[in-house]
Amino acid sequence: VRPGPVVRRELQAQLMNLAHLVHQAGVNLNQAVARLNATGQPGPDLAPAAQSCMRTVRHVDDTIEFLRRELR
């Protein structure tokens, strides 16, 4: 089943948003790990950055599952 133009636009917007979330989570985690590597001690941002990455990964998983269901 091929989605119509409105669905494609919405899908594209959602995927672009998802890409932004993945990028931002990666940047935040990278900064927190760099601080850990530089000091040998985890900063206060490490746990929240790791949790943000996990939420983002769950969001990616949910999006993929939605696409599987909808595009059959």
C-alpha atoms as a PDB file:
ATOM      1  CA  VAL A   1       0.000   0.000   0.000  1.00  0.00           C
ATOM      2  CA  ARG A   2       1.413   3.365  -1.007  1.00  0.00           C
ATOM      3  CA  PRO A   3       0.537   6.242   1.293  1.00  0.00           C
ATOM      4  CA  GLY A   4      -1.119   9.325  -0.195  1.00  0.00           C
ATOM      5  CA  PRO A   5       0.599  12.706  -0.432  1.00  0.00           C
ATOM      6  CA  VAL A   6      -0.742  13.967   2.912  1.00  0.00           C
ATOM      7  CA  VAL A   7       0.416  10.838   4.708  1.00  0.00           C
ATOM      8  CA  ARG A   8       3.813  11.037   2.994  1.00  0.00           C
ATOM      9  CA  ARG A   9       4.269  14.652   4.098  1.00  0.00           C
ATOM     10  CA  GLU A  10       3.328  13.804   7.677  1.00  0.00           C
ATOM     11  CA  LEU A  11       5.592  10.772   7.620  1.00  0.00           C
ATOM     12  CA  GLN A  12       8.466  12.867   6.301  1.00  0.00           C
ATOM     13  CA  ALA A  13       7.923  15.487   9.008  1.00  0.00           C
ATOM     14  CA  GLN A  14       7.855  12.825  11.722  1.00  0.00           C
ATOM     15  CA  LEU A  15      10.996  11.153  10.407  1.00  0.00           C
ATOM     16  CA  MET A  16      12.816  14.489  10.260  1.00  0.00           C
ATOM     17  CA  ASN A  17      11.791  15.161  13.856  1.00  0.00           C
ATOM     18  CA  LEU A  18      12.962  11.693  14.830  1.00  0.00           C
ATOM     19  CA  ALA A  19      16.323  12.280  13.136  1.00  0.00           C
ATOM     20  CA  HIS A  20      16.698  15.514  15.108  1.00  0.00           C
ATOM     21  CA  LEU A  21      15.919  13.721  18.380  1.00  0.00           C
ATOM     22  CA  VAL A  22      18.474  10.993  17.625  1.00  0.00           C
ATOM     23  CA  HIS A  23      21.119  13.573  16.755  1.00  0.00           C
ATOM     24  CA  GLN A  24      20.461  15.649  19.883  1.00  0.00           C
ATOM     25  CA  ALA A  25      20.504  12.613  22.166  1.00  0.00           C
ATOM     26  CA  GLY A  26      23.798  11.521  20.628  1.00  0.00           C
ATOM     27  CA  VAL A  27      25.356  14.963  21.072  1.00  0.00           C
ATOM     28  CA  ASN A  28      24.275  15.120  24.710  1.00  0.00           C
ATOM     29  CA  LEU A  29      25.579  11.638  25.473  1.00  0.00           C
ATOM     30  CA  ASN A  30      28.837  12.324  23.659  1.00  0.00           C
ATOM     31  CA  GLN A  31      29.414  15.468  25.728  1.00  0.00           C
ATOM     32  CA  ALA A  32      28.675  13.642  28.972  1.00  0.00           C
ATOM     33  CA  VAL A  33      31.015  10.760  28.070  1.00  0.00           C
ATOM     34  CA  ALA A  34      33.749  13.198  27.018  1.00  0.00           C
ATOM     35  CA  ARG A  35      33.510  14.792  30.463  1.00  0.00           C
ATOM     36  CA  LEU A  36      33.702  11.335  32.057  1.00  0.00           C
ATOM     37  CA  ASN A  37      36.786  10.473  29.987  1.00  0.00           C
ATOM     38  CA  ALA A  38      38.450  13.795  30.809  1.00  0.00           C
ATOM     39  CA  THR A  39      37.859  13.704  34.550  1.00  0.00           C
ATOM     40  CA  GLY A  40      37.419  10.033  35.350  1.00  0.00           C
ATOM     41  CA  GLN A  41      34.204  10.945  37.162  1.00  0.00           C
ATOM     42  CA  PRO A  42      30.667  10.948  35.780  1.00  0.00           C
ATOM     43  CA  GLY A  43      29.147  14.399  35.672  1.00  0.00           C
ATOM     44  CA  PRO A  44      25.567  15.147  36.664  1.00  0.00           C
ATOM     45  CA  ASP A  45      24.595  15.076  32.992  1.00  0.00           C
ATOM     46  CA  LEU A  46      25.639  11.475  32.288  1.00  0.00           C
ATOM     47  CA  ALA A  47      22.585   9.664  33.689  1.00  0.00           C
ATOM     48  CA  PRO A  48      20.058  12.078  32.133  1.00  0.00           C
ATOM     49  CA  ALA A  49      21.873  11.886  28.782  1.00  0.00           C
ATOM     50  CA  ALA A  50      21.819   8.081  28.860  1.00  0.00           C
ATOM     51  CA  GLN A  51      18.122   8.101  29.816  1.00  0.00           C
ATOM     52  CA  SER A  52      17.393  10.501  26.957  1.00  0.00           C
ATOM     53  CA  CYS A  53      19.120   8.127  24.551  1.00  0.00           C
ATOM     54  CA  MET A  54      17.020   5.231  25.807  1.00  0.00           C
ATOM     55  CA  ARG A  55      13.802   7.242  25.384  1.00  0.00           C
ATOM     56  CA  THR A  56      14.882   8.160  21.872  1.00  0.00           C
ATOM     57  CA  VAL A  57      15.639   4.542  21.004  1.00  0.00           C
ATOM     58  CA  ARG A  58      12.184   3.533  22.281  1.00  0.00           C
ATOM     59  CA  HIS A  59      10.671   6.295  20.136  1.00  0.00           C
ATOM     60  CA  VAL A  60      12.542   4.948  17.093  1.00  0.00           C
ATOM     61  CA  ASP A  61      11.306   1.424  17.879  1.00  0.00           C
ATOM     62  CA  ASP A  62       7.720   2.679  18.256  1.00  0.00           C
ATOM     63  CA  THR A  63       7.957   4.564  14.963  1.00  0.00           C
ATOM     64  CA  ILE A  64       9.282   1.526  13.130  1.00  0.00           C
ATOM     65  CA  GLU A  65       6.508  -0.649  14.548  1.00  0.00           C
ATOM     66  CA  PHE A  66       3.890   1.946  13.535  1.00  0.00           C
ATOM     67  CA  LEU A  67       5.294   2.005   9.988  1.00  0.00           C
ATOM     68  CA  ARG A  68       5.244  -1.792   9.803  1.00  0.00           C
ATOM     69  CA  ARG A  69       1.580  -1.875  10.784  1.00  0.00           C
ATOM     70  CA  GLU A  70       0.475   1.015   8.587  1.00  0.00           C
ATOM     71  CA  LEU A  71       2.386   0.190   5.424  1.00  0.00           C
ATOM     72  CA  ARG A  72       1.388  -3.456   5.099  1.00  0.00           C
END
